[in-house]
N, C-alpha and C. Protein backbone atom coordinates (compact mmCIF):
# COMPACT_ATOMS: atom_id res chain seq x y z
N UNK A 1 1.98 330.87 161.77
CA UNK A 1 1.35 331.99 161.90
C UNK A 1 1.18 332.76 163.21
N UNK A 2 0.59 332.24 163.94
CA UNK A 2 0.21 332.27 165.49
C UNK A 2 1.96 331.86 166.26
N UNK A 3 2.31 331.05 166.04
CA UNK A 3 3.32 331.07 166.94
C UNK A 3 4.08 332.19 166.88
N UNK A 4 4.60 332.70 166.13
CA UNK A 4 5.41 334.21 166.13
C UNK A 4 4.75 335.00 166.94
N UNK A 5 3.03 335.46 166.69
CA UNK A 5 2.81 336.51 167.41
C UNK A 5 2.68 336.22 168.70
N UNK A 6 2.16 334.91 169.07
CA UNK A 6 2.56 334.50 170.85
C UNK A 6 3.74 334.67 171.01
N UNK A 7 5.17 334.60 170.63
CA UNK A 7 6.30 334.88 170.95
C UNK A 7 6.56 336.28 170.98
N UNK A 8 5.82 337.23 170.28
CA UNK A 8 6.38 338.76 170.21
C UNK A 8 5.37 339.23 171.31
N UNK A 9 3.83 338.78 171.58
CA UNK A 9 3.16 339.58 172.07
C UNK A 9 2.78 339.09 173.16
N UNK A 10 3.33 339.71 174.78
CA UNK A 10 2.84 338.94 175.94
C UNK A 10 1.36 339.07 175.86
N UNK A 11 0.94 340.39 175.65
CA UNK A 11 -1.14 340.29 176.15
C UNK A 11 -1.56 339.23 175.11
N UNK A 12 -0.98 339.22 174.09
CA UNK A 12 -1.82 337.90 173.31
C UNK A 12 -1.75 336.75 173.83
N UNK A 13 -0.44 336.37 174.36
CA UNK A 13 -0.44 334.95 174.70
C UNK A 13 -0.88 335.16 176.15
N UNK A 14 -1.35 335.83 177.05
CA UNK A 14 -2.18 335.75 178.51
C UNK A 14 -3.46 335.80 178.02
N UNK A 15 -3.95 336.48 176.89
CA UNK A 15 -5.23 336.03 176.53
C UNK A 15 -5.65 334.76 176.13
N UNK A 16 -4.86 334.39 175.01
CA UNK A 16 -4.74 332.87 174.43
C UNK A 16 -4.95 331.98 175.45
N UNK A 17 -4.07 331.99 176.44
CA UNK A 17 -4.45 330.71 177.40
C UNK A 17 -5.26 330.85 178.27
N UNK A 18 -6.46 331.74 177.96
CA UNK A 18 -7.52 331.64 178.75
C UNK A 18 -8.62 331.68 178.08
N UNK A 19 -8.41 331.47 176.46
CA UNK A 19 -9.46 331.40 175.35
C UNK A 19 -9.72 329.69 175.29
N UNK A 20 -10.99 329.45 174.95
CA UNK A 20 -11.17 328.13 174.29
C UNK A 20 -10.41 327.66 173.16
N UNK A 21 -9.40 327.95 172.33
CA UNK A 21 -8.91 327.76 171.02
C UNK A 21 -7.96 326.74 171.19
N UNK A 22 -7.49 326.11 170.76
CA UNK A 22 -6.20 325.47 170.79
C UNK A 22 -5.39 326.42 169.56
N UNK A 23 -4.14 326.12 170.05
CA UNK A 23 -3.03 326.82 168.69
C UNK A 23 -3.18 326.42 167.61
N UNK A 24 -3.35 325.56 167.51
CA UNK A 24 -3.53 324.98 165.73
C UNK A 24 -5.00 325.55 165.42
N UNK A 25 -5.95 325.67 166.33
CA UNK A 25 -7.41 326.01 165.64
C UNK A 25 -7.33 327.75 165.63
N UNK A 26 -6.78 328.19 166.57
CA UNK A 26 -6.07 329.89 166.05
C UNK A 26 -5.40 329.75 165.08
N UNK A 27 -4.12 329.26 164.78
CA UNK A 27 -3.71 329.52 163.62
C UNK A 27 -4.51 329.17 162.70
N UNK A 28 -5.13 328.29 162.33
CA UNK A 28 -6.08 328.09 161.20
C UNK A 28 -7.02 329.09 161.33
N UNK A 29 -7.72 329.46 161.89
CA UNK A 29 -8.36 330.83 161.99
C UNK A 29 -7.84 331.80 161.44
N UNK A 30 -6.57 332.16 161.85
CA UNK A 30 -6.18 333.51 161.71
C UNK A 30 -5.81 333.15 160.24
N UNK A 31 -5.18 331.95 159.55
CA UNK A 31 -4.99 331.96 158.78
C UNK A 31 -5.66 332.29 157.55
N UNK A 32 -7.30 331.65 157.61
CA UNK A 32 -7.96 331.66 157.10
C UNK A 32 -8.90 333.40 156.78
N UNK A 33 -8.74 333.87 157.89
CA UNK A 33 -8.88 335.47 157.99
C UNK A 33 -8.31 336.05 157.42
N UNK A 34 -6.83 336.02 157.76
CA UNK A 34 -5.84 337.09 156.89
C UNK A 34 -5.64 336.61 155.49
N UNK A 35 -5.49 335.36 155.14
CA UNK A 35 -5.44 335.08 153.73
C UNK A 35 -6.43 335.04 152.78
N UNK A 36 -7.92 334.75 153.22
CA UNK A 36 -8.75 334.57 152.40
C UNK A 36 -9.28 335.84 151.62
N UNK A 37 -8.85 336.74 152.96
CA UNK A 37 -9.19 338.37 152.68
C UNK A 37 -8.05 338.62 151.45
N UNK A 38 -6.75 338.31 151.68
CA UNK A 38 -6.12 338.56 150.75
C UNK A 38 -6.10 337.77 149.10
N UNK A 39 -6.88 337.08 148.92
CA UNK A 39 -7.28 336.11 147.89
C UNK A 39 -6.10 334.71 147.77
N UNK A 40 -5.68 334.33 148.94
CA UNK A 40 -5.09 333.14 149.12
C UNK A 40 -6.16 332.02 148.73
N UNK A 41 -5.38 330.85 147.55
CA UNK A 41 -6.47 329.74 147.58
C UNK A 41 -6.23 329.04 148.69
N UNK A 42 -7.12 328.04 148.97
CA UNK A 42 -6.89 326.93 149.96
C UNK A 42 -5.68 326.00 149.70
N UNK A 43 -5.11 326.21 148.84
CA UNK A 43 -3.75 324.99 148.47
C UNK A 43 -2.90 325.98 148.83
N UNK A 44 -2.99 327.05 148.71
CA UNK A 44 -1.83 328.09 149.39
C UNK A 44 -1.79 328.15 150.87
N UNK A 45 -2.69 328.18 151.44
CA UNK A 45 -3.39 328.16 152.87
C UNK A 45 -2.77 327.27 153.75
N UNK A 46 -2.95 325.94 153.13
CA UNK A 46 -2.76 324.85 154.01
C UNK A 46 -1.27 324.81 153.90
N UNK A 47 -0.12 325.39 153.12
CA UNK A 47 1.06 325.34 153.53
C UNK A 47 2.01 326.32 154.19
N UNK A 48 0.77 327.03 154.76
CA UNK A 48 1.28 327.87 155.65
C UNK A 48 1.35 327.50 157.12
N UNK A 49 0.53 327.06 157.68
CA UNK A 49 0.45 326.63 158.77
C UNK A 49 1.69 326.13 159.72
N UNK A 50 1.78 327.07 161.01
CA UNK A 50 3.02 327.08 162.11
C UNK A 50 3.19 325.55 162.00
N UNK A 51 3.11 324.53 161.90
CA UNK A 51 3.15 323.22 161.82
C UNK A 51 4.09 322.45 160.66
N UNK A 52 3.51 323.22 159.60
CA UNK A 52 4.01 322.72 158.46
C UNK A 52 3.04 322.36 157.47
N UNK A 53 3.03 322.12 156.45
CA UNK A 53 1.99 321.88 155.12
C UNK A 53 1.10 320.65 155.52
N UNK A 54 -0.17 321.06 155.81
CA UNK A 54 -1.04 319.73 156.14
C UNK A 54 -1.89 319.52 155.02
N UNK A 55 -2.85 318.73 155.30
CA UNK A 55 -3.73 317.97 153.99
C UNK A 55 -5.02 319.03 154.33
N UNK A 56 -5.57 319.34 152.73
CA UNK A 56 -6.83 320.15 153.14
C UNK A 56 -7.86 319.75 153.81
N UNK A 57 -8.26 318.27 154.12
CA UNK A 57 -8.96 317.98 155.18
C UNK A 57 -8.61 318.21 156.57
N UNK A 58 -7.27 318.03 156.83
CA UNK A 58 -7.07 318.68 158.31
C UNK A 58 -6.71 319.76 158.79
N UNK A 59 -6.97 320.44 157.56
CA UNK A 59 -6.99 322.20 157.68
C UNK A 59 -8.44 322.57 158.05
N UNK A 60 -9.30 321.66 157.24
CA UNK A 60 -10.75 322.29 157.14
C UNK A 60 -11.27 321.82 158.37
N UNK A 61 -10.75 320.59 158.67
CA UNK A 61 -11.31 319.68 159.90
C UNK A 61 -11.21 320.93 161.22
N UNK A 62 -9.75 321.21 161.42
CA UNK A 62 -9.37 322.18 162.41
C UNK A 62 -10.14 323.61 162.60
N UNK A 63 -10.14 323.90 161.22
CA UNK A 63 -10.73 325.27 161.11
C UNK A 63 -12.19 325.40 161.52
N UNK A 64 -12.86 323.92 161.06
CA UNK A 64 -13.95 323.93 161.79
C UNK A 64 -14.01 323.62 163.09
N UNK A 65 -13.25 323.31 163.83
CA UNK A 65 -13.43 323.11 165.61
C UNK A 65 -13.11 324.53 165.84
N UNK A 66 -12.64 325.60 165.04
CA UNK A 66 -12.05 326.90 165.59
C UNK A 66 -13.31 327.34 165.53
N UNK A 67 -13.87 327.23 164.34
CA UNK A 67 -14.93 328.31 164.18
C UNK A 67 -16.43 328.09 164.73
N UNK A 68 -16.53 326.54 165.15
CA UNK A 68 -17.79 326.04 166.25
C UNK A 68 -16.82 326.21 167.82
N UNK A 69 -16.14 326.53 168.33
CA UNK A 69 -15.91 327.20 169.50
C UNK A 69 -16.04 328.50 169.87
N UNK A 70 -15.83 329.33 168.42
CA UNK A 70 -15.92 330.95 168.27
C UNK A 70 -17.59 330.70 168.68
N UNK A 71 -18.14 330.45 167.47
CA UNK A 71 -19.39 330.43 167.49
C UNK A 71 -20.46 330.22 168.94
N UNK A 72 -19.82 329.15 169.72
CA UNK A 72 -20.44 328.64 170.69
C UNK A 72 -20.07 330.06 171.73
N UNK A 73 -18.89 330.28 171.61
CA UNK A 73 -18.68 331.25 172.68
C UNK A 73 -19.77 332.64 172.62
N UNK A 74 -19.88 332.98 171.03
CA UNK A 74 -20.99 334.16 171.30
C UNK A 74 -22.16 333.82 171.24
N UNK A 75 -22.90 332.05 171.21
CA UNK A 75 -24.03 332.09 171.77
C UNK A 75 -24.16 332.19 173.17
N UNK A 76 -22.80 331.54 174.07
CA UNK A 76 -22.87 331.65 175.46
C UNK A 76 -23.24 333.40 175.91
N UNK A 77 -21.95 333.99 174.98
CA UNK A 77 -22.32 335.60 175.38
C UNK A 77 -23.70 336.02 175.28
N UNK A 78 -24.48 335.52 174.25
CA UNK A 78 -25.60 336.03 174.03
C UNK A 78 -27.09 335.33 175.22
N UNK A 79 -26.56 334.17 175.58
CA UNK A 79 -27.15 333.50 176.66
C UNK A 79 -27.54 334.17 177.70
N UNK A 80 -26.00 334.35 178.36
CA UNK A 80 -25.95 335.00 179.77
C UNK A 80 -26.41 336.86 179.55
N UNK A 81 -26.60 337.22 178.30
CA UNK A 81 -27.38 338.15 178.32
C UNK A 81 -28.69 338.47 177.98
N UNK A 82 -29.39 337.30 177.79
CA UNK A 82 -31.00 336.94 177.24
C UNK A 82 -31.17 336.47 178.70
N UNK A 83 -30.54 335.91 179.95
CA UNK A 83 -30.84 335.70 180.97
C UNK A 83 -30.70 336.98 181.93
N UNK A 84 -30.25 337.80 181.58
CA UNK A 84 -29.76 338.61 182.52
C UNK A 84 -28.72 338.84 183.28
N UNK A 85 -27.82 337.78 182.89
CA UNK A 85 -26.61 337.60 184.44
C UNK A 85 -25.66 338.42 183.67
N UNK A 86 -25.58 338.88 182.29
CA UNK A 86 -24.63 339.98 181.93
C UNK A 86 -25.29 340.96 182.04
N UNK A 87 -25.45 342.18 182.48
CA UNK A 87 -26.19 343.23 182.20
C UNK A 87 -25.44 344.37 181.30
N UNK A 88 -26.04 345.41 181.06
CA UNK A 88 -25.18 346.16 179.75
C UNK A 88 -24.12 347.09 180.79
N UNK A 89 -24.11 347.11 182.02
CA UNK A 89 -23.10 347.92 182.25
C UNK A 89 -21.99 347.36 182.30
N UNK A 90 -21.51 345.92 182.81
CA UNK A 90 -20.88 345.22 182.41
C UNK A 90 -20.50 344.87 180.92
N UNK A 91 -21.36 345.10 180.22
CA UNK A 91 -21.09 344.84 178.72
C UNK A 91 -20.35 346.02 178.33
N UNK A 92 -20.85 347.07 178.40
CA UNK A 92 -19.80 348.46 178.60
C UNK A 92 -18.54 348.43 178.73
N UNK A 93 -18.49 347.90 180.30
CA UNK A 93 -17.18 347.39 180.87
C UNK A 93 -16.17 346.70 179.71
N UNK A 94 -16.83 345.79 179.48
CA UNK A 94 -16.09 344.74 178.24
C UNK A 94 -15.88 345.77 177.12
N UNK A 95 -16.45 346.25 176.55
CA UNK A 95 -16.23 346.89 175.38
C UNK A 95 -15.33 347.61 175.30
N UNK A 96 -15.31 348.50 176.92
CA UNK A 96 -14.07 349.45 176.85
C UNK A 96 -12.55 348.88 177.13
N UNK A 97 -13.11 347.93 177.53
CA UNK A 97 -11.85 346.78 178.00
C UNK A 97 -10.99 346.60 176.09
N UNK A 98 -12.23 346.36 175.61
CA UNK A 98 -12.10 345.88 174.54
C UNK A 98 -11.09 346.78 173.53
N UNK A 99 -12.14 347.93 173.60
CA UNK A 99 -11.27 348.99 173.29
C UNK A 99 -9.76 349.53 173.57
N UNK A 100 -9.59 349.18 175.02
CA UNK A 100 -8.07 349.40 175.47
C UNK A 100 -7.37 348.19 174.61
N UNK A 101 -7.72 347.35 174.63
CA UNK A 101 -7.03 346.21 174.16
C UNK A 101 -6.48 346.78 172.65
N UNK A 102 -7.16 347.39 171.98
CA UNK A 102 -7.05 347.29 170.86
C UNK A 102 -5.96 348.34 170.38
N UNK A 103 -6.22 349.30 171.28
CA UNK A 103 -5.04 350.61 171.44
C UNK A 103 -3.60 349.94 171.72
N UNK A 104 -3.54 349.18 172.53
CA UNK A 104 -2.15 348.44 173.01
C UNK A 104 -1.87 347.54 172.41
N UNK A 105 -2.31 347.22 170.85
CA UNK A 105 -1.84 346.27 169.84
C UNK A 105 -0.56 346.84 169.45
N UNK A 106 0.36 345.71 169.39
CA UNK A 106 1.51 346.47 168.67
C UNK A 106 2.56 347.16 169.63
N UNK A 107 1.98 347.14 170.99
CA UNK A 107 2.92 347.97 171.84
C UNK A 107 3.60 347.15 172.72
N UNK A 108 4.93 347.09 173.43
CA UNK A 108 5.42 346.49 174.31
C UNK A 108 4.46 347.00 175.59
N UNK A 109 3.94 345.77 176.10
CA UNK A 109 2.94 346.00 177.61
C UNK A 109 3.58 345.41 178.48
N UNK A 110 3.76 346.07 179.70
CA UNK A 110 4.49 345.71 180.76
C UNK A 110 3.30 344.54 181.66
N UNK A 111 4.08 343.93 182.17
CA UNK A 111 3.47 342.80 182.81
C UNK A 111 2.53 343.07 183.90
N UNK A 112 2.80 344.23 184.74
CA UNK A 112 2.00 345.05 185.61
C UNK A 112 0.19 345.12 184.60
N UNK A 113 0.33 345.68 183.23
CA UNK A 113 -0.62 346.09 182.65
C UNK A 113 -1.11 345.02 182.20
N UNK A 114 -0.98 343.32 181.92
CA UNK A 114 -1.36 342.52 181.52
C UNK A 114 -2.24 341.80 182.71
N UNK A 115 -1.58 341.83 184.10
CA UNK A 115 -1.79 341.51 185.05
C UNK A 115 -3.40 342.55 185.59
N UNK A 116 -3.64 343.80 184.95
CA UNK A 116 -4.51 344.61 185.40
C UNK A 116 -5.83 344.12 184.45
N UNK A 117 -5.23 343.71 183.27
CA UNK A 117 -6.37 343.47 182.48
C UNK A 117 -7.12 342.12 182.62
N UNK A 118 -6.03 341.31 183.02
CA UNK A 118 -6.61 339.76 183.57
C UNK A 118 -7.55 340.22 184.92
N UNK A 119 -7.06 341.09 185.60
CA UNK A 119 -7.99 341.14 186.77
C UNK A 119 -9.38 342.09 186.78
N UNK A 120 -9.25 342.57 185.69
CA UNK A 120 -10.54 343.32 185.18
C UNK A 120 -11.52 342.25 184.47
N UNK A 121 -10.80 341.35 183.82
CA UNK A 121 -11.53 340.17 183.29
C UNK A 121 -12.16 339.22 184.55
N UNK A 122 -11.05 338.99 185.21
CA UNK A 122 -11.50 338.14 186.25
C UNK A 122 -12.56 338.81 187.09
N UNK A 123 -12.57 339.79 187.50
CA UNK A 123 -13.75 340.42 187.96
C UNK A 123 -15.00 340.27 187.65
N UNK A 124 -14.88 340.58 186.29
CA UNK A 124 -16.18 340.21 185.73
C UNK A 124 -17.06 339.01 185.39
N UNK A 125 -15.60 338.32 185.69
CA UNK A 125 -16.32 337.03 185.53
C UNK A 125 -16.87 336.21 186.66
N UNK A 126 -16.22 337.06 187.87
CA UNK A 126 -16.69 336.80 189.33
C UNK A 126 -17.80 337.10 189.70
N UNK A 127 -18.14 338.49 188.75
CA UNK A 127 -19.53 339.20 189.23
C UNK A 127 -20.68 338.74 188.84
N UNK A 128 -20.42 338.03 187.60
CA UNK A 128 -21.31 337.21 186.75
C UNK A 128 -21.79 336.17 187.32
N UNK A 129 -20.38 335.13 187.43
CA UNK A 129 -20.66 333.72 187.99
C UNK A 129 -20.79 333.54 189.88
N UNK A 130 -20.90 334.99 190.17
CA UNK A 130 -21.56 335.00 191.52
C UNK A 130 -20.60 334.40 192.34
N UNK A 131 -18.90 334.12 191.94
CA UNK A 131 -17.90 333.45 192.83
C UNK A 131 -17.41 334.41 193.96
N UNK A 132 -17.80 335.68 194.01
CA UNK A 132 -17.39 336.45 195.22
C UNK A 132 -18.63 336.11 196.33
N UNK A 133 -19.79 335.88 195.91
CA UNK A 133 -21.08 336.09 196.72
C UNK A 133 -21.27 334.42 197.20
N UNK A 134 -20.94 333.45 196.87
CA UNK A 134 -20.69 332.33 197.20
C UNK A 134 -19.93 331.93 198.48
């Protein structure tokens, strides 16, 4: 499922490369999200993986890894907010960027726009981690 999306969407591919999920984990997470909502059974979902049918155990293990990585990302975000490393103005910038990404979904996005989005993310990260100060 994710393989086709990554091939079709340059922005998605750019964001994915910088994420902490593997392609298999993202595929499993996306399948779980999409098809559980639509009422597919686990038996049906394991047959839809990009790599071909896998065992239930393999799928559930990969899904668990994806869920754990996602959960850790959320805890990391809360941790830096709690410690004051990430302030509300930066959170606002990030939310605005997220809104912008949502509006770009399913559009052909020029490479310069993708570079601009990555620059904004890098600038926020540099500000938070003090890379530009050190």
